[in-house]
């Protein structure tokens, strides 16, 4: 369970969320999250957006101790903003170099950015390296 609240640009917000992670076997897990927010006094009026994400992860895919995953989600569903709903797709593969270093290439595709159907699809790639000591 999650909660965040505060103020930004003169308006108040409250956001509630729930995460679910379920291990199906020692090699496969699924995850999901759902959230709901309330933003008062925005330039678009009072907003009550929701968001969701779901995915699957694969442990030890191709390499021992590696972790691969794919996910899809919609980070801000609000009919008051835009003519479409942004959808994010992500794929990653975390592979260990050794016990202290892991490298993760990440690919993202974002359709209808900023909830606008006229905005072109965004493709991004990231290479993340984590050093653990």
N, C-alpha and C. Protein backbone atom coordinates (compact mmCIF):
# COMPACT_ATOMS: atom_id res chain seq x y z
N UNK A 1 0.85 -1.18 0.00
CA UNK A 1 0.00 0.00 0.00
C UNK A 1 0.89 1.24 0.00
N UNK A 2 0.40 2.29 -0.63
CA UNK A 2 1.16 3.53 -0.73
C UNK A 2 0.23 4.73 -0.52
N UNK A 3 0.82 5.79 -0.02
CA UNK A 3 0.11 7.06 0.09
C UNK A 3 1.11 8.19 -0.06
N UNK A 4 0.73 9.21 -0.78
CA UNK A 4 1.51 10.44 -0.86
C UNK A 4 0.53 11.60 -0.83
N UNK A 5 0.90 12.66 -0.18
CA UNK A 5 0.06 13.84 -0.13
C UNK A 5 0.91 15.07 0.03
N UNK A 6 0.38 16.20 -0.39
CA UNK A 6 1.12 17.45 -0.25
C UNK A 6 0.50 18.54 -1.09
N UNK A 7 1.33 19.50 -1.43
CA UNK A 7 0.85 20.61 -2.27
C UNK A 7 1.90 20.92 -3.33
N UNK A 8 1.40 21.35 -4.48
CA UNK A 8 2.27 21.74 -5.58
C UNK A 8 1.56 22.82 -6.39
N UNK A 9 2.29 23.86 -6.71
CA UNK A 9 1.75 24.98 -7.49
C UNK A 9 0.45 25.52 -6.90
N UNK A 10 0.37 25.58 -5.59
CA UNK A 10 -0.78 26.12 -4.91
C UNK A 10 -1.96 25.18 -4.76
N UNK A 11 -1.84 23.96 -5.24
CA UNK A 11 -2.93 22.98 -5.13
C UNK A 11 -2.53 21.83 -4.23
N UNK A 12 -3.53 21.16 -3.69
CA UNK A 12 -3.31 20.01 -2.81
C UNK A 12 -3.48 18.71 -3.59
N UNK A 13 -2.76 17.67 -3.15
CA UNK A 13 -2.95 16.37 -3.78
C UNK A 13 -2.86 15.26 -2.74
N UNK A 14 -3.57 14.18 -3.04
CA UNK A 14 -3.53 12.94 -2.28
C UNK A 14 -3.51 11.80 -3.30
N UNK A 15 -2.61 10.85 -3.12
CA UNK A 15 -2.50 9.72 -4.03
C UNK A 15 -2.42 8.43 -3.21
N UNK A 16 -3.23 7.46 -3.59
CA UNK A 16 -3.25 6.16 -2.92
C UNK A 16 -2.91 5.09 -3.96
N UNK A 17 -2.20 4.06 -3.54
CA UNK A 17 -1.85 3.00 -4.47
C UNK A 17 -1.68 1.66 -3.78
N UNK A 18 -1.70 0.62 -4.59
CA UNK A 18 -1.48 -0.73 -4.08
C UNK A 18 -0.63 -1.48 -5.09
N UNK A 19 0.34 -2.23 -4.60
CA UNK A 19 1.20 -3.08 -5.42
C UNK A 19 0.92 -4.53 -5.10
N UNK A 20 1.07 -5.37 -6.10
CA UNK A 20 0.93 -6.81 -5.92
C UNK A 20 2.07 -7.48 -6.65
N UNK A 21 2.73 -8.37 -5.97
CA UNK A 21 3.78 -9.18 -6.58
C UNK A 21 3.49 -10.63 -6.23
N UNK A 22 3.54 -11.49 -7.23
CA UNK A 22 3.21 -12.90 -7.02
C UNK A 22 4.24 -13.76 -7.73
N UNK A 23 4.92 -14.60 -6.97
CA UNK A 23 5.89 -15.53 -7.53
C UNK A 23 5.15 -16.80 -7.95
N UNK A 24 5.20 -17.11 -9.24
CA UNK A 24 4.51 -18.28 -9.76
C UNK A 24 5.39 -19.53 -9.68
N UNK A 25 6.70 -19.32 -9.77
CA UNK A 25 7.67 -20.42 -9.64
C UNK A 25 9.01 -19.78 -9.27
N UNK A 26 10.04 -20.57 -9.19
CA UNK A 26 11.35 -19.98 -8.88
C UNK A 26 11.93 -19.24 -10.09
N UNK A 27 11.23 -19.24 -11.23
CA UNK A 27 11.71 -18.58 -12.44
C UNK A 27 10.80 -17.48 -12.98
N UNK A 28 9.53 -17.46 -12.55
CA UNK A 28 8.56 -16.51 -13.12
C UNK A 28 7.76 -15.82 -12.01
N UNK A 29 7.59 -14.52 -12.17
CA UNK A 29 6.76 -13.75 -11.23
C UNK A 29 5.95 -12.73 -12.03
N UNK A 30 4.81 -12.35 -11.49
CA UNK A 30 3.99 -11.30 -12.08
C UNK A 30 3.86 -10.17 -11.06
N UNK A 31 3.64 -8.98 -11.57
CA UNK A 31 3.48 -7.84 -10.68
C UNK A 31 2.46 -6.87 -11.27
N UNK A 32 1.88 -6.09 -10.42
CA UNK A 32 0.92 -5.10 -10.86
C UNK A 32 0.75 -4.02 -9.82
N UNK A 33 0.25 -2.90 -10.26
CA UNK A 33 -0.05 -1.81 -9.33
C UNK A 33 -1.22 -1.00 -9.87
N UNK A 34 -1.94 -0.42 -8.95
CA UNK A 34 -3.06 0.45 -9.30
C UNK A 34 -3.04 1.61 -8.33
N UNK A 35 -3.39 2.78 -8.81
CA UNK A 35 -3.44 3.94 -7.94
C UNK A 35 -4.53 4.90 -8.36
N UNK A 36 -4.85 5.76 -7.43
CA UNK A 36 -5.90 6.75 -7.63
C UNK A 36 -5.45 8.03 -6.95
N UNK A 37 -5.66 9.15 -7.62
CA UNK A 37 -5.23 10.42 -7.06
C UNK A 37 -6.34 11.44 -7.05
N UNK A 38 -6.12 12.46 -6.26
CA UNK A 38 -7.03 13.59 -6.18
C UNK A 38 -6.18 14.86 -6.14
N UNK A 39 -6.30 15.69 -7.16
CA UNK A 39 -5.55 16.93 -7.26
C UNK A 39 -6.54 18.09 -7.31
N UNK A 40 -6.51 18.92 -6.30
CA UNK A 40 -7.46 20.03 -6.21
C UNK A 40 -6.88 21.30 -6.82
N UNK A 41 -7.76 22.10 -7.39
CA UNK A 41 -7.43 23.44 -7.87
C UNK A 41 -6.31 23.47 -8.90
N UNK A 42 -6.34 22.59 -9.89
CA UNK A 42 -5.36 22.64 -10.97
C UNK A 42 -5.87 23.55 -12.08
N UNK A 43 -5.05 23.81 -13.06
CA UNK A 43 -5.47 24.62 -14.21
C UNK A 43 -6.59 23.93 -14.98
N UNK A 44 -6.76 22.62 -14.78
CA UNK A 44 -7.81 21.84 -15.46
C UNK A 44 -8.99 21.57 -14.53
N UNK A 45 -8.99 22.19 -13.36
CA UNK A 45 -10.03 21.94 -12.37
C UNK A 45 -9.57 20.89 -11.38
N UNK A 46 -10.50 20.31 -10.67
CA UNK A 46 -10.18 19.23 -9.73
C UNK A 46 -10.05 17.93 -10.53
N UNK A 47 -8.89 17.29 -10.43
CA UNK A 47 -8.62 16.06 -11.18
C UNK A 47 -8.65 14.85 -10.26
N UNK A 48 -9.13 13.74 -10.78
CA UNK A 48 -9.15 12.48 -10.03
C UNK A 48 -8.63 11.36 -10.94
N UNK A 49 -7.34 11.42 -11.30
CA UNK A 49 -6.79 10.43 -12.22
C UNK A 49 -6.50 9.10 -11.54
N UNK A 50 -6.39 8.07 -12.36
CA UNK A 50 -5.95 6.77 -11.88
C UNK A 50 -4.73 6.36 -12.70
N UNK A 51 -4.05 5.32 -12.26
CA UNK A 51 -2.93 4.78 -13.01
C UNK A 51 -2.84 3.29 -12.74
N UNK A 52 -2.19 2.58 -13.65
CA UNK A 52 -2.00 1.15 -13.46
C UNK A 52 -0.75 0.70 -14.21
N UNK A 53 -0.22 -0.45 -13.81
CA UNK A 53 0.90 -1.09 -14.49
C UNK A 53 0.84 -2.57 -14.19
N UNK A 54 1.23 -3.40 -15.17
CA UNK A 54 1.29 -4.85 -14.98
C UNK A 54 2.47 -5.40 -15.76
N UNK A 55 3.04 -6.47 -15.25
CA UNK A 55 4.18 -7.04 -15.95
C UNK A 55 4.52 -8.43 -15.47
N UNK A 56 5.52 -8.97 -16.12
CA UNK A 56 6.01 -10.30 -15.77
C UNK A 56 7.54 -10.24 -15.74
N UNK A 57 8.13 -10.98 -14.81
CA UNK A 57 9.59 -11.03 -14.66
C UNK A 57 10.05 -12.48 -14.75
N UNK A 58 11.23 -12.65 -15.32
CA UNK A 58 11.81 -13.98 -15.50
C UNK A 58 13.17 -14.01 -14.82
N UNK A 59 13.33 -14.87 -13.83
CA UNK A 59 14.57 -14.99 -13.08
C UNK A 59 15.46 -16.03 -13.75
N UNK A 60 16.74 -15.69 -13.88
CA UNK A 60 17.70 -16.64 -14.43
C UNK A 60 17.52 -16.93 -15.91
N UNK A 61 16.96 -15.98 -16.66
CA UNK A 61 16.74 -16.19 -18.09
C UNK A 61 18.07 -16.08 -18.83
N UNK A 62 18.51 -17.13 -19.45
CA UNK A 62 19.76 -17.24 -20.21
C UNK A 62 21.03 -17.28 -19.35
N UNK A 63 21.05 -16.52 -18.24
CA UNK A 63 22.23 -16.44 -17.38
C UNK A 63 21.77 -16.58 -15.93
N UNK A 64 22.50 -17.35 -15.15
CA UNK A 64 22.17 -17.51 -13.73
C UNK A 64 22.20 -16.14 -13.05
N UNK A 65 21.22 -15.87 -12.21
CA UNK A 65 21.06 -14.63 -11.44
C UNK A 65 20.66 -13.43 -12.30
N UNK A 66 20.35 -13.62 -13.56
CA UNK A 66 19.86 -12.53 -14.40
C UNK A 66 18.37 -12.32 -14.12
N UNK A 67 17.86 -11.16 -14.51
CA UNK A 67 16.44 -10.86 -14.33
C UNK A 67 15.96 -10.10 -15.55
N UNK A 68 14.96 -10.63 -16.23
CA UNK A 68 14.37 -9.98 -17.39
C UNK A 68 12.91 -9.66 -17.06
N UNK A 69 12.40 -8.61 -17.68
CA UNK A 69 11.01 -8.27 -17.43
C UNK A 69 10.40 -7.44 -18.54
N UNK A 70 9.08 -7.52 -18.63
CA UNK A 70 8.32 -6.68 -19.54
C UNK A 70 7.12 -6.14 -18.76
N UNK A 71 6.73 -4.93 -19.10
CA UNK A 71 5.61 -4.30 -18.38
C UNK A 71 4.88 -3.34 -19.31
N UNK A 72 3.64 -3.08 -18.98
CA UNK A 72 2.83 -2.08 -19.68
C UNK A 72 2.01 -1.34 -18.63
N UNK A 73 1.79 -0.06 -18.87
CA UNK A 73 1.01 0.71 -17.91
C UNK A 73 0.55 2.03 -18.47
N UNK A 74 -0.38 2.64 -17.76
CA UNK A 74 -0.88 3.97 -18.10
C UNK A 74 -0.71 4.84 -16.85
N UNK A 75 0.23 5.80 -16.90
CA UNK A 75 0.61 6.53 -15.70
C UNK A 75 -0.32 7.66 -15.26
N UNK A 76 -1.22 8.12 -16.11
CA UNK A 76 -2.08 9.24 -15.71
C UNK A 76 -3.34 9.21 -16.57
N UNK A 77 -4.37 8.52 -16.08
CA UNK A 77 -5.62 8.40 -16.80
C UNK A 77 -6.59 9.46 -16.27
N UNK A 78 -6.84 10.48 -17.09
CA UNK A 78 -7.74 11.57 -16.70
C UNK A 78 -8.39 12.12 -17.96
N UNK A 79 -9.70 12.02 -18.06
CA UNK A 79 -10.40 12.47 -19.25
C UNK A 79 -10.34 13.99 -19.42
N UNK A 80 -10.02 14.72 -18.35
CA UNK A 80 -9.96 16.18 -18.43
C UNK A 80 -8.72 16.68 -19.17
N UNK A 81 -7.74 15.81 -19.32
CA UNK A 81 -6.47 16.23 -19.95
C UNK A 81 -6.24 15.40 -21.20
N UNK A 82 -6.17 16.07 -22.33
CA UNK A 82 -5.84 15.42 -23.58
C UNK A 82 -6.99 14.68 -24.22
N UNK A 83 -6.68 14.10 -25.38
CA UNK A 83 -7.69 13.36 -26.14
C UNK A 83 -7.37 11.87 -26.20
N UNK A 84 -6.31 11.45 -25.55
CA UNK A 84 -5.88 10.05 -25.53
C UNK A 84 -5.28 9.76 -24.16
N UNK A 85 -4.92 8.51 -23.94
CA UNK A 85 -4.26 8.14 -22.69
C UNK A 85 -2.87 7.63 -23.01
N UNK A 86 -1.88 8.21 -22.35
CA UNK A 86 -0.50 7.77 -22.54
C UNK A 86 -0.37 6.32 -22.08
N UNK A 87 0.35 5.52 -22.86
CA UNK A 87 0.63 4.13 -22.48
C UNK A 87 2.12 3.90 -22.59
N UNK A 88 2.70 3.33 -21.55
CA UNK A 88 4.13 3.05 -21.49
C UNK A 88 4.36 1.54 -21.58
N UNK A 89 5.31 1.15 -22.44
CA UNK A 89 5.75 -0.23 -22.57
C UNK A 89 7.23 -0.26 -22.20
N UNK A 90 7.65 -1.26 -21.43
CA UNK A 90 9.04 -1.34 -21.02
C UNK A 90 9.53 -2.78 -21.05
N UNK A 91 10.77 -2.95 -21.46
CA UNK A 91 11.44 -4.25 -21.40
C UNK A 91 12.84 -4.02 -20.86
N UNK A 92 13.28 -4.92 -19.97
CA UNK A 92 14.63 -4.79 -19.42
C UNK A 92 15.26 -6.16 -19.24
N UNK A 93 16.57 -6.15 -19.17
CA UNK A 93 17.31 -7.38 -18.91
C UNK A 93 18.50 -7.03 -18.01
N UNK A 94 18.43 -7.45 -16.77
CA UNK A 94 19.50 -7.19 -15.81
C UNK A 94 20.40 -8.41 -15.75
N UNK A 95 21.64 -8.23 -16.18
CA UNK A 95 22.54 -9.38 -16.08
C UNK A 95 23.75 -9.02 -15.23
N UNK A 96 24.13 -9.94 -14.37
CA UNK A 96 25.25 -9.69 -13.47
C UNK A 96 26.59 -9.86 -14.18
N UNK A 97 27.46 -8.90 -13.96
CA UNK A 97 28.83 -9.02 -14.46
C UNK A 97 29.63 -9.87 -13.46
N UNK A 98 29.42 -9.55 -12.18
CA UNK A 98 29.98 -10.35 -11.09
C UNK A 98 29.11 -10.11 -9.86
N UNK A 99 29.55 -10.48 -8.69
CA UNK A 99 28.75 -10.31 -7.49
C UNK A 99 28.50 -8.86 -7.09
N UNK A 100 29.27 -7.93 -7.66
CA UNK A 100 29.15 -6.53 -7.26
C UNK A 100 28.70 -5.59 -8.39
N UNK A 101 28.64 -6.07 -9.61
CA UNK A 101 28.30 -5.21 -10.74
C UNK A 101 27.21 -5.86 -11.58
N UNK A 102 26.17 -5.09 -11.88
CA UNK A 102 25.11 -5.55 -12.76
C UNK A 102 24.82 -4.51 -13.82
N UNK A 103 24.54 -4.94 -15.02
CA UNK A 103 24.25 -4.05 -16.13
C UNK A 103 22.83 -4.34 -16.61
N UNK A 104 22.06 -3.27 -16.84
CA UNK A 104 20.66 -3.43 -17.26
C UNK A 104 20.35 -2.53 -18.45
N UNK A 105 20.23 -3.09 -19.65
CA UNK A 105 19.68 -2.31 -20.74
C UNK A 105 18.15 -2.26 -20.59
N UNK A 106 17.59 -1.09 -20.84
CA UNK A 106 16.14 -0.87 -20.71
C UNK A 106 15.65 -0.22 -22.01
N UNK A 107 14.55 -0.73 -22.54
CA UNK A 107 13.92 -0.14 -23.71
C UNK A 107 12.51 0.29 -23.32
N UNK A 108 12.13 1.52 -23.68
CA UNK A 108 10.78 2.02 -23.41
C UNK A 108 10.16 2.57 -24.69
N UNK A 109 8.86 2.32 -24.81
CA UNK A 109 8.07 2.92 -25.88
C UNK A 109 6.87 3.60 -25.21
N UNK A 110 6.68 4.87 -25.52
CA UNK A 110 5.60 5.66 -24.92
C UNK A 110 4.69 6.15 -26.04
N UNK A 111 3.44 5.69 -26.02
CA UNK A 111 2.48 6.13 -27.03
C UNK A 111 1.58 7.22 -26.42
N UNK A 112 1.12 8.11 -27.26
CA UNK A 112 0.26 9.23 -26.85
C UNK A 112 0.88 10.00 -25.67
N UNK A 113 2.16 10.43 -25.80
CA UNK A 113 2.79 11.15 -24.68
C UNK A 113 1.96 12.35 -24.25
N UNK A 114 1.94 12.57 -22.93
CA UNK A 114 1.19 13.68 -22.33
C UNK A 114 -0.31 13.60 -22.62
N UNK A 115 -0.80 12.39 -22.87
CA UNK A 115 -2.22 12.15 -23.15
C UNK A 115 -2.72 12.90 -24.39
N UNK A 116 -1.83 13.08 -25.37
CA UNK A 116 -2.18 13.78 -26.60
C UNK A 116 -1.97 12.85 -27.79
N UNK A 117 -3.04 12.56 -28.52
CA UNK A 117 -2.96 11.67 -29.66
C UNK A 117 -2.09 12.20 -30.79
N UNK A 118 -1.91 13.51 -30.89
CA UNK A 118 -1.09 14.09 -31.96
C UNK A 118 0.40 13.97 -31.67
N UNK A 119 0.78 13.67 -30.43
CA UNK A 119 2.20 13.56 -30.09
C UNK A 119 2.75 12.24 -30.60
N UNK A 120 3.93 12.29 -31.19
CA UNK A 120 4.56 11.10 -31.75
C UNK A 120 5.00 10.14 -30.64
N UNK A 121 5.06 8.88 -30.98
CA UNK A 121 5.53 7.85 -30.06
C UNK A 121 6.99 8.12 -29.72
N UNK A 122 7.33 7.95 -28.45
CA UNK A 122 8.70 8.15 -27.97
C UNK A 122 9.33 6.79 -27.74
N UNK A 123 10.54 6.62 -28.26
CA UNK A 123 11.33 5.42 -28.02
C UNK A 123 12.58 5.82 -27.25
N UNK A 124 12.86 5.14 -26.15
CA UNK A 124 14.05 5.45 -25.37
C UNK A 124 14.82 4.18 -25.05
N UNK A 125 16.10 4.34 -24.88
CA UNK A 125 16.95 3.25 -24.44
C UNK A 125 17.86 3.76 -23.33
N UNK A 126 18.06 2.96 -22.34
CA UNK A 126 18.91 3.33 -21.21
C UNK A 126 19.81 2.15 -20.89
N UNK A 127 21.02 2.46 -20.53
CA UNK A 127 21.93 1.43 -20.04
C UNK A 127 22.31 1.81 -18.61
N UNK A 128 21.81 1.02 -17.66
CA UNK A 128 22.03 1.30 -16.24
C UNK A 128 23.07 0.31 -15.70
N UNK A 129 24.01 0.82 -14.94
CA UNK A 129 25.00 -0.03 -14.29
C UNK A 129 24.92 0.21 -12.78
N UNK A 130 24.84 -0.87 -12.01
CA UNK A 130 24.75 -0.77 -10.56
C UNK A 130 25.99 -1.41 -9.95
N UNK A 131 26.65 -0.65 -9.07
CA UNK A 131 27.79 -1.13 -8.32
C UNK A 131 27.35 -1.35 -6.89
N UNK A 132 27.48 -2.55 -6.37
CA UNK A 132 27.08 -2.86 -4.99
C UNK A 132 28.31 -3.22 -4.16
N UNK A 133 28.45 -2.53 -3.03
CA UNK A 133 29.60 -2.80 -2.16
C UNK A 133 29.16 -2.97 -0.72
